[in-house]
PDB file of all heavy atoms in Angstrom:
ATOM      1  N   PRO A   1       0.777  -1.245   0.033  1.00  0.00           N
ATOM      2  CA  PRO A   1       0.018   0.047   0.048  1.00  0.00           C
ATOM      3  C   PRO A   1       0.815   1.233   0.006  1.00  0.00           C
ATOM      4  O   PRO A   1       1.981   1.343   0.498  1.00  0.00           O
ATOM      5  CB  PRO A   1      -0.841  -0.104   1.200  1.00  0.00           C
ATOM      6  CG  PRO A   1       0.012  -0.925   2.299  1.00  0.00           C
ATOM      7  CD  PRO A   1       0.755  -1.936   1.328  1.00  0.00           C
ATOM      8  N   VAL A   2       0.268   2.284  -0.534  1.00  0.00           N
ATOM      9  CA  VAL A   2       1.032   3.621  -0.561  1.00  0.00           C
ATOM     10  C   VAL A   2       1.081   4.172   0.877  1.00  0.00           C
ATOM     11  O   VAL A   2       0.120   4.079   1.709  1.00  0.00           O
ATOM     12  CB  VAL A   2       0.228   4.532  -1.500  1.00  0.00           C
ATOM     13  CG1 VAL A   2      -1.174   4.957  -0.988  1.00  0.00           C
ATOM     14  CG2 VAL A   2       1.140   5.895  -1.637  1.00  0.00           C
ATOM     15  N   SER A   3       2.154   4.817   1.215  1.00  0.00           N
ATOM     16  CA  SER A   3       2.296   5.493   2.515  1.00  0.00           C
ATOM     17  C   SER A   3       1.798   6.879   2.292  1.00  0.00           C
ATOM     18  O   SER A   3       2.556   7.746   1.652  1.00  0.00           O
ATOM     19  CB  SER A   3       3.843   5.422   2.939  1.00  0.00           C
ATOM     20  OG  SER A   3       4.002   6.115   4.160  1.00  0.00           O
ATOM     21  N   ALA A   4       0.619   7.211   2.721  1.00  0.00           N
ATOM     22  CA  ALA A   4      -0.049   8.403   2.374  1.00  0.00           C
ATOM     23  C   ALA A   4      -0.275   9.316   3.709  1.00  0.00           C
ATOM     24  O   ALA A   4      -0.437   8.748   4.796  1.00  0.00           O
ATOM     25  CB  ALA A   4      -1.354   8.167   1.805  1.00  0.00           C
ATOM     26  N   PRO A   5      -0.184  10.572   3.515  1.00  0.00           N
ATOM     27  CA  PRO A   5      -0.615  11.519   4.575  1.00  0.00           C
ATOM     28  C   PRO A   5      -2.030  11.173   5.097  1.00  0.00           C
ATOM     29  O   PRO A   5      -2.927  10.863   4.247  1.00  0.00           O
ATOM     30  CB  PRO A   5      -0.521  12.848   4.062  1.00  0.00           C
ATOM     31  CG  PRO A   5       0.346  12.670   2.888  1.00  0.00           C
ATOM     32  CD  PRO A   5       0.173  11.358   2.329  1.00  0.00           C
ATOM     33  N   GLU A   6      -2.300  11.339   6.324  1.00  0.00           N
ATOM     34  CA  GLU A   6      -3.639  10.997   6.922  1.00  0.00           C
ATOM     35  C   GLU A   6      -4.423  12.458   7.116  1.00  0.00           C
ATOM     36  O   GLU A   6      -4.581  12.894   8.086  1.00  0.00           O
ATOM     37  CB  GLU A   6      -3.552  10.355   8.278  1.00  0.00           C
ATOM     38  CG  GLU A   6      -2.849   8.973   8.113  1.00  0.00           C
ATOM     39  CD  GLU A   6      -2.753   8.297   9.621  1.00  0.00           C
ATOM     40  OE1 GLU A   6      -3.157   8.906  10.563  1.00  0.00           O
ATOM     41  OE2 GLU A   6      -2.287   7.109   9.576  1.00  0.00           O
ATOM     42  N   ASP A   7      -4.848  12.885   5.849  1.00  0.00           N
ATOM     43  CA  ASP A   7      -5.443  14.139   5.930  1.00  0.00           C
ATOM     44  C   ASP A   7      -6.880  14.036   5.340  1.00  0.00           C
ATOM     45  O   ASP A   7      -7.612  15.114   4.931  1.00  0.00           O
ATOM     46  CB  ASP A   7      -4.670  15.258   5.036  1.00  0.00           C
ATOM     47  CG  ASP A   7      -4.399  14.785   3.656  1.00  0.00           C
ATOM     48  OD1 ASP A   7      -4.832  13.751   3.232  1.00  0.00           O
ATOM     49  OD2 ASP A   7      -3.654  15.513   3.036  1.00  0.00           O
ATOM     50  N   GLY A   8      -7.356  12.818   5.117  1.00  0.00           N
ATOM     51  CA  GLY A   8      -8.722  12.628   4.524  1.00  0.00           C
ATOM     52  C   GLY A   8      -8.793  12.619   2.983  1.00  0.00           C
ATOM     53  O   GLY A   8      -9.806  12.402   2.451  1.00  0.00           O
ATOM     54  N   SER A   9      -7.707  12.798   2.346  1.00  0.00           N
ATOM     55  CA  SER A   9      -7.664  12.867   0.896  1.00  0.00           C
ATOM     56  C   SER A   9      -7.361  11.351   0.382  1.00  0.00           C
ATOM     57  O   SER A   9      -6.863  10.534   0.988  1.00  0.00           O
ATOM     58  CB  SER A   9      -6.616  13.879   0.321  1.00  0.00           C
ATOM     59  OG  SER A   9      -6.858  15.077   0.619  1.00  0.00           O
ATOM     60  N   ASP A  10      -7.813  11.162  -0.921  1.00  0.00           N
ATOM     61  CA  ASP A  10      -7.573   9.778  -1.472  1.00  0.00           C
ATOM     62  C   ASP A  10      -6.326   9.949  -2.221  1.00  0.00           C
ATOM     63  O   ASP A  10      -6.099  10.702  -3.066  1.00  0.00           O
ATOM     64  CB  ASP A  10      -8.720   9.586  -2.466  1.00  0.00           C
ATOM     65  CG  ASP A  10      -8.675   8.194  -3.069  1.00  0.00           C
ATOM     66  OD1 ASP A  10      -7.894   7.420  -2.529  1.00  0.00           O
ATOM     67  OD2 ASP A  10      -9.316   8.025  -4.032  1.00  0.00           O
ATOM     68  N   TYR A  11      -5.357   9.030  -1.868  1.00  0.00           N
ATOM     69  CA  TYR A  11      -3.974   9.061  -2.512  1.00  0.00           C
ATOM     70  C   TYR A  11      -3.735   7.801  -3.232  1.00  0.00           C
ATOM     71  O   TYR A  11      -4.178   6.712  -2.943  1.00  0.00           O
ATOM     72  CB  TYR A  11      -2.954   9.163  -1.361  1.00  0.00           C
ATOM     73  CG  TYR A  11      -2.809  10.566  -0.770  1.00  0.00           C
ATOM     74  CD1 TYR A  11      -3.493  10.873   0.412  1.00  0.00           C
ATOM     75  CD2 TYR A  11      -1.976  11.468  -1.415  1.00  0.00           C
ATOM     76  CE1 TYR A  11      -3.445  12.227   0.937  1.00  0.00           C
ATOM     77  CE2 TYR A  11      -1.892  12.817  -0.850  1.00  0.00           C
ATOM     78  CZ  TYR A  11      -2.600  13.138   0.365  1.00  0.00           C
ATOM     79  OH  TYR A  11      -2.417  14.401   0.804  1.00  0.00           O
ATOM     80  N   HIS A  12      -2.986   8.008  -4.362  1.00  0.00           N
ATOM     81  CA  HIS A  12      -2.435   7.019  -5.227  1.00  0.00           C
ATOM     82  C   HIS A  12      -0.955   6.849  -5.061  1.00  0.00           C
ATOM     83  O   HIS A  12      -0.328   7.922  -4.650  1.00  0.00           O
ATOM     84  CB  HIS A  12      -2.894   7.081  -6.541  1.00  0.00           C
ATOM     85  CG  HIS A  12      -4.262   6.619  -6.864  1.00  0.00           C
ATOM     86  ND1 HIS A  12      -4.899   6.699  -8.125  1.00  0.00           N
ATOM     87  CD2 HIS A  12      -5.217   6.215  -6.032  1.00  0.00           C
ATOM     88  CE1 HIS A  12      -6.173   6.298  -8.025  1.00  0.00           C
ATOM     89  NE2 HIS A  12      -6.385   5.982  -6.704  1.00  0.00           N
ATOM     90  N   TRP A  13      -0.394   5.796  -5.467  1.00  0.00           N
ATOM     91  CA  TRP A  13       1.061   5.704  -5.497  1.00  0.00           C
ATOM     92  C   TRP A  13       1.579   6.360  -6.838  1.00  0.00           C
ATOM     93  O   TRP A  13       1.033   6.142  -7.904  1.00  0.00           O
ATOM     94  CB  TRP A  13       1.437   4.200  -5.608  1.00  0.00           C
ATOM     95  CG  TRP A  13       2.888   3.897  -5.278  1.00  0.00           C
ATOM     96  CD1 TRP A  13       4.017   4.349  -6.039  1.00  0.00           C
ATOM     97  CD2 TRP A  13       3.476   3.027  -4.265  1.00  0.00           C
ATOM     98  NE1 TRP A  13       5.146   3.847  -5.460  1.00  0.00           N
ATOM     99  CE2 TRP A  13       4.819   3.087  -4.403  1.00  0.00           C
ATOM    100  CE3 TRP A  13       2.829   2.334  -3.206  1.00  0.00           C
ATOM    101  CZ2 TRP A  13       5.661   2.337  -3.606  1.00  0.00           C
ATOM    102  CZ3 TRP A  13       3.658   1.585  -2.422  1.00  0.00           C
ATOM    103  CH2 TRP A  13       5.084   1.629  -2.490  1.00  0.00           C
ATOM    104  N   GLY A  14       2.586   7.307  -6.622  1.00  0.00           N
ATOM    105  CA  GLY A  14       3.046   8.115  -7.785  1.00  0.00           C
ATOM    106  C   GLY A  14       4.367   7.663  -8.315  1.00  0.00           C
ATOM    107  O   GLY A  14       4.487   6.668  -9.115  1.00  0.00           O
ATOM    108  N   TYR A  15       5.480   8.117  -7.781  1.00  0.00           N
ATOM    109  CA  TYR A  15       6.829   7.772  -8.199  1.00  0.00           C
ATOM    110  C   TYR A  15       7.088   6.345  -7.667  1.00  0.00           C
ATOM    111  O   TYR A  15       6.640   6.020  -6.430  1.00  0.00           O
ATOM    112  CB  TYR A  15       7.848   8.740  -7.651  1.00  0.00           C
ATOM    113  CG  TYR A  15       9.243   8.410  -7.872  1.00  0.00           C
ATOM    114  CD1 TYR A  15       9.881   8.744  -9.071  1.00  0.00           C
ATOM    115  CD2 TYR A  15       9.971   7.763  -6.935  1.00  0.00           C
ATOM    116  CE1 TYR A  15      11.296   8.388  -9.298  1.00  0.00           C
ATOM    117  CE2 TYR A  15      11.384   7.566  -7.058  1.00  0.00           C
ATOM    118  CZ  TYR A  15      12.037   7.844  -8.276  1.00  0.00           C
ATOM    119  OH  TYR A  15      13.277   7.581  -8.511  1.00  0.00           O
ATOM    120  N   VAL A  16       7.955   5.504  -8.304  1.00  0.00           N
ATOM    121  CA  VAL A  16       8.372   4.286  -7.830  1.00  0.00           C
ATOM    122  C   VAL A  16       9.848   3.953  -8.288  1.00  0.00           C
ATOM    123  O   VAL A  16      10.161   4.275  -9.504  1.00  0.00           O
ATOM    124  CB  VAL A  16       7.446   3.151  -8.084  1.00  0.00           C
ATOM    125  CG1 VAL A  16       7.355   2.989  -9.728  1.00  0.00           C
ATOM    126  CG2 VAL A  16       7.861   1.847  -7.516  1.00  0.00           C
ATOM    127  N   ALA A  17      10.750   3.472  -7.436  1.00  0.00           N
ATOM    128  CA  ALA A  17      12.105   3.149  -7.802  1.00  0.00           C
ATOM    129  C   ALA A  17      12.686   2.293  -6.801  1.00  0.00           C
ATOM    130  O   ALA A  17      12.287   2.162  -5.707  1.00  0.00           O
ATOM    131  CB  ALA A  17      12.977   4.408  -7.911  1.00  0.00           C
ATOM    132  N   ARG A  18      13.654   1.477  -7.312  1.00  0.00           N
ATOM    133  CA  ARG A  18      14.511   0.644  -6.444  1.00  0.00           C
ATOM    134  C   ARG A  18      15.805   1.252  -6.251  1.00  0.00           C
ATOM    135  O   ARG A  18      16.524   1.470  -7.232  1.00  0.00           O
ATOM    136  CB  ARG A  18      14.559  -0.814  -6.922  1.00  0.00           C
ATOM    137  CG  ARG A  18      13.406  -1.588  -6.686  1.00  0.00           C
ATOM    138  CD  ARG A  18      13.195  -2.152  -5.310  1.00  0.00           C
ATOM    139  NE  ARG A  18      14.098  -3.263  -4.984  1.00  0.00           N
ATOM    140  CZ  ARG A  18      14.958  -3.324  -4.164  1.00  0.00           C
ATOM    141  NH1 ARG A  18      15.309  -2.293  -3.359  1.00  0.00           N
ATOM    142  NH2 ARG A  18      15.705  -4.434  -3.992  1.00  0.00           N
ATOM    143  N   SER A  19      16.285   1.601  -5.109  1.00  0.00           N
ATOM    144  CA  SER A  19      17.526   2.272  -4.871  1.00  0.00           C
ATOM    145  C   SER A  19      17.959   2.165  -3.430  1.00  0.00           C
ATOM    146  O   SER A  19      17.224   2.279  -2.522  1.00  0.00           O
ATOM    147  CB  SER A  19      17.368   3.746  -5.248  1.00  0.00           C
ATOM    148  OG  SER A  19      18.544   4.481  -5.210  1.00  0.00           O
ATOM    149  N   ASP A  20      19.334   1.924  -3.355  1.00  0.00           N
ATOM    150  CA  ASP A  20      19.948   1.837  -2.022  1.00  0.00           C
ATOM    151  C   ASP A  20      19.238   0.802  -1.120  1.00  0.00           C
ATOM    152  O   ASP A  20      19.068   1.086   0.118  1.00  0.00           O
ATOM    153  CB  ASP A  20      20.074   3.176  -1.337  1.00  0.00           C
ATOM    154  CG  ASP A  20      20.821   4.203  -2.151  1.00  0.00           C
ATOM    155  OD1 ASP A  20      22.099   4.106  -2.092  1.00  0.00           O
ATOM    156  OD2 ASP A  20      20.265   5.032  -2.837  1.00  0.00           O
ATOM    157  N   GLY A  21      18.797  -0.355  -1.601  1.00  0.00           N
ATOM    158  CA  GLY A  21      18.208  -1.400  -0.853  1.00  0.00           C
ATOM    159  C   GLY A  21      16.766  -1.055  -0.569  1.00  0.00           C
ATOM    160  O   GLY A  21      16.121  -1.907   0.180  1.00  0.00           O
ATOM    161  N   MET A  22      16.145  -0.010  -0.954  1.00  0.00           N
ATOM    162  CA  MET A  22      14.766   0.406  -0.538  1.00  0.00           C
ATOM    163  C   MET A  22      13.940   0.417  -1.794  1.00  0.00           C
ATOM    164  O   MET A  22      14.394   0.582  -2.966  1.00  0.00           O
ATOM    165  CB  MET A  22      14.811   1.781   0.046  1.00  0.00           C
ATOM    166  CG  MET A  22      15.619   1.879   1.319  1.00  0.00           C
ATOM    167  SD  MET A  22      14.743   0.937   2.685  1.00  0.00           S
ATOM    168  CE  MET A  22      15.758   1.358   4.143  1.00  0.00           C
ATOM    169  N   LEU A  23      12.722   0.356  -1.546  1.00  0.00           N
ATOM    170  CA  LEU A  23      11.657   0.768  -2.556  1.00  0.00           C
ATOM    171  C   LEU A  23      11.173   2.251  -2.260  1.00  0.00           C
ATOM    172  O   LEU A  23      10.644   2.412  -1.265  1.00  0.00           O
ATOM    173  CB  LEU A  23      10.523  -0.256  -2.492  1.00  0.00           C
ATOM    174  CG  LEU A  23       9.320   0.014  -3.582  1.00  0.00           C
ATOM    175  CD1 LEU A  23       9.823  -0.267  -4.969  1.00  0.00           C
ATOM    176  CD2 LEU A  23       8.064  -0.930  -3.217  1.00  0.00           C
ATOM    177  N   ILE A  24      11.476   3.104  -3.145  1.00  0.00           N
ATOM    178  CA  ILE A  24      11.167   4.525  -2.993  1.00  0.00           C
ATOM    179  C   ILE A  24       9.914   4.772  -3.696  1.00  0.00           C
ATOM    180  O   ILE A  24       9.700   4.379  -4.843  1.00  0.00           O
ATOM    181  CB  ILE A  24      12.358   5.381  -3.557  1.00  0.00           C
ATOM    182  CG1 ILE A  24      13.633   4.994  -3.033  1.00  0.00           C
ATOM    183  CG2 ILE A  24      12.037   6.881  -3.245  1.00  0.00           C
ATOM    184  CD1 ILE A  24      13.879   5.062  -1.533  1.00  0.00           C
ATOM    185  N   GLY A  25       9.031   5.432  -3.021  1.00  0.00           N
ATOM    186  CA  GLY A  25       7.729   5.838  -3.602  1.00  0.00           C
ATOM    187  C   GLY A  25       7.255   7.172  -3.223  1.00  0.00           C
ATOM    188  O   GLY A  25       7.931   7.898  -2.398  1.00  0.00           O
ATOM    189  N   SER A  26       6.162   7.599  -3.857  1.00  0.00           N
ATOM    190  CA  SER A  26       5.635   8.904  -3.418  1.00  0.00           C
ATOM    191  C   SER A  26       4.064   8.726  -3.452  1.00  0.00           C
ATOM    192  O   SER A  26       3.532   7.860  -4.083  1.00  0.00           O
ATOM    193  CB  SER A  26       6.027  10.036  -4.342  1.00  0.00           C
ATOM    194  OG  SER A  26       5.247   9.956  -5.587  1.00  0.00           O
ATOM    195  N   ALA A  27       3.403   9.536  -2.736  1.00  0.00           N
ATOM    196  CA  ALA A  27       1.941   9.565  -2.536  1.00  0.00           C
ATOM    197  C   ALA A  27       1.383  10.872  -3.252  1.00  0.00           C
ATOM    198  O   ALA A  27       1.811  11.972  -2.802  1.00  0.00           O
ATOM    199  CB  ALA A  27       1.517   9.523  -1.057  1.00  0.00           C
ATOM    200  N   THR A  28       0.544  10.677  -4.162  1.00  0.00           N
ATOM    201  CA  THR A  28      -0.081  11.927  -4.857  1.00  0.00           C
ATOM    202  C   THR A  28      -1.579  11.665  -4.877  1.00  0.00           C
ATOM    203  O   THR A  28      -2.130  10.608  -4.628  1.00  0.00           O
ATOM    204  CB  THR A  28       0.431  12.092  -6.271  1.00  0.00           C
ATOM    205  OG1 THR A  28       0.009  13.284  -6.831  1.00  0.00           O
ATOM    206  CG2 THR A  28      -0.008  10.834  -7.183  1.00  0.00           C
ATOM    207  N   ARG A  29      -2.311  12.838  -5.013  1.00  0.00           N
ATOM    208  CA  ARG A  29      -3.732  12.796  -5.057  1.00  0.00           C
ATOM    209  C   ARG A  29      -4.202  11.827  -6.184  1.00  0.00           C
ATOM    210  O   ARG A  29      -3.682  11.804  -7.248  1.00  0.00           O
ATOM    211  CB  ARG A  29      -4.355  14.134  -5.282  1.00  0.00           C
ATOM    212  CG  ARG A  29      -3.884  15.133  -4.168  1.00  0.00           C
ATOM    213  CD  ARG A  29      -4.637  14.854  -2.883  1.00  0.00           C
ATOM    214  NE  ARG A  29      -4.099  15.689  -1.816  1.00  0.00           N
ATOM    215  CZ  ARG A  29      -4.461  16.926  -1.605  1.00  0.00           C
ATOM    216  NH1 ARG A  29      -5.489  17.525  -2.335  1.00  0.00           N
ATOM    217  NH2 ARG A  29      -4.034  17.657  -0.503  1.00  0.00           N
ATOM    218  N   ALA A  30      -5.380  11.208  -5.933  1.00  0.00           N
ATOM    219  CA  ALA A  30      -5.799  10.144  -6.843  1.00  0.00           C
ATOM    220  C   ALA A  30      -6.072  10.597  -8.269  1.00  0.00           C
ATOM    221  O   ALA A  30      -5.928   9.740  -9.244  1.00  0.00           O
ATOM    222  CB  ALA A  30      -7.057   9.536  -6.290  1.00  0.00           C
ATOM    223  N   ALA A  31      -6.460  11.819  -8.452  1.00  0.00           N
ATOM    224  CA  ALA A  31      -6.812  12.299  -9.841  1.00  0.00           C
ATOM    225  C   ALA A  31      -5.738  12.919 -10.570  1.00  0.00           C
ATOM    226  O   ALA A  31      -5.949  13.462 -11.684  1.00  0.00           O
ATOM    227  CB  ALA A  31      -8.034  13.250  -9.662  1.00  0.00           C
ATOM    228  N   ALA A  32      -4.483  12.819 -10.001  1.00  0.00           N
ATOM    229  CA  ALA A  32      -3.357  13.667 -10.565  1.00  0.00           C
ATOM    230  C   ALA A  32      -2.790  13.086 -11.919  1.00  0.00           C
ATOM    231  O   ALA A  32      -2.610  13.847 -12.897  1.00  0.00           O
ATOM    232  CB  ALA A  32      -2.298  13.833  -9.535  1.00  0.00           C
ATOM    233  N   ALA A  33      -2.530  11.729 -11.920  1.00  0.00           N
ATOM    234  CA  ALA A  33      -1.798  11.191 -13.200  1.00  0.00           C
ATOM    235  C   ALA A  33      -2.626  11.424 -14.374  1.00  0.00           C
ATOM    236  O   ALA A  33      -3.859  11.327 -14.419  1.00  0.00           O
ATOM    237  CB  ALA A  33      -1.557   9.715 -12.799  1.00  0.00           C
ATOM    238  N   TRP A  34      -1.863  11.418 -15.512  1.00  0.00           N
ATOM    239  CA  TRP A  34      -2.383  11.676 -16.757  1.00  0.00           C
ATOM    240  C   TRP A  34      -2.769  10.315 -17.374  1.00  0.00           C
ATOM    241  O   TRP A  34      -1.959   9.399 -17.443  1.00  0.00           O
ATOM    242  CB  TRP A  34      -1.526  12.372 -17.792  1.00  0.00           C
ATOM    243  CG  TRP A  34      -1.188  13.819 -17.374  1.00  0.00           C
ATOM    244  CD1 TRP A  34      -0.123  14.271 -16.759  1.00  0.00           C
ATOM    245  CD2 TRP A  34      -2.002  14.906 -17.655  1.00  0.00           C
ATOM    246  NE1 TRP A  34      -0.208  15.576 -16.608  1.00  0.00           N
ATOM    247  CE2 TRP A  34      -1.316  16.057 -17.142  1.00  0.00           C
ATOM    248  CE3 TRP A  34      -3.291  15.075 -18.369  1.00  0.00           C
ATOM    249  CZ2 TRP A  34      -1.829  17.350 -17.184  1.00  0.00           C
ATOM    250  CZ3 TRP A  34      -3.723  16.391 -18.488  1.00  0.00           C
ATOM    251  CH2 TRP A  34      -3.037  17.437 -17.965  1.00  0.00           C
ATOM    252  N   LYS A  35      -4.112  10.050 -17.729  1.00  0.00           N
ATOM    253  CA  LYS A  35      -4.470   8.659 -18.192  1.00  0.00           C
ATOM    254  C   LYS A  35      -5.212   8.695 -19.560  1.00  0.00           C
ATOM    255  O   LYS A  35      -5.705   7.753 -19.986  1.00  0.00           O
ATOM    256  CB  LYS A  35      -5.384   7.994 -17.136  1.00  0.00           C
ATOM    257  CG  LYS A  35      -4.688   7.675 -15.846  1.00  0.00           C
ATOM    258  CD  LYS A  35      -5.372   6.936 -14.869  1.00  0.00           C
ATOM    259  CE  LYS A  35      -4.564   6.536 -13.586  1.00  0.00           C
ATOM    260  NZ  LYS A  35      -5.482   5.734 -12.727  1.00  0.00           N
ATOM    261  N   ASN A  36      -5.108   9.982 -20.231  1.00  0.00           N
ATOM    262  CA  ASN A  36      -5.861  10.061 -21.431  1.00  0.00           C
ATOM    263  C   ASN A  36      -4.946   9.812 -22.558  1.00  0.00           C
ATOM    264  O   ASN A  36      -3.814  10.414 -22.576  1.00  0.00           O
ATOM    265  CB  ASN A  36      -6.511  11.474 -21.549  1.00  0.00           C
ATOM    266  CG  ASN A  36      -7.048  11.721 -22.860  1.00  0.00           C
ATOM    267  OD1 ASN A  36      -7.654  10.989 -23.496  1.00  0.00           O
ATOM    268  ND2 ASN A  36      -6.825  12.950 -23.473  1.00  0.00           N
TER     269      ASN A  36
END
């Protein structure tokens, strides 16, 4: 699951990478990414 702020907004997983032994990710608002 995405590690998201607990502010009541709906978050999706944004950035993703494998680096320095970790899985790096970001949390962005659900409607942000371009899908058209």
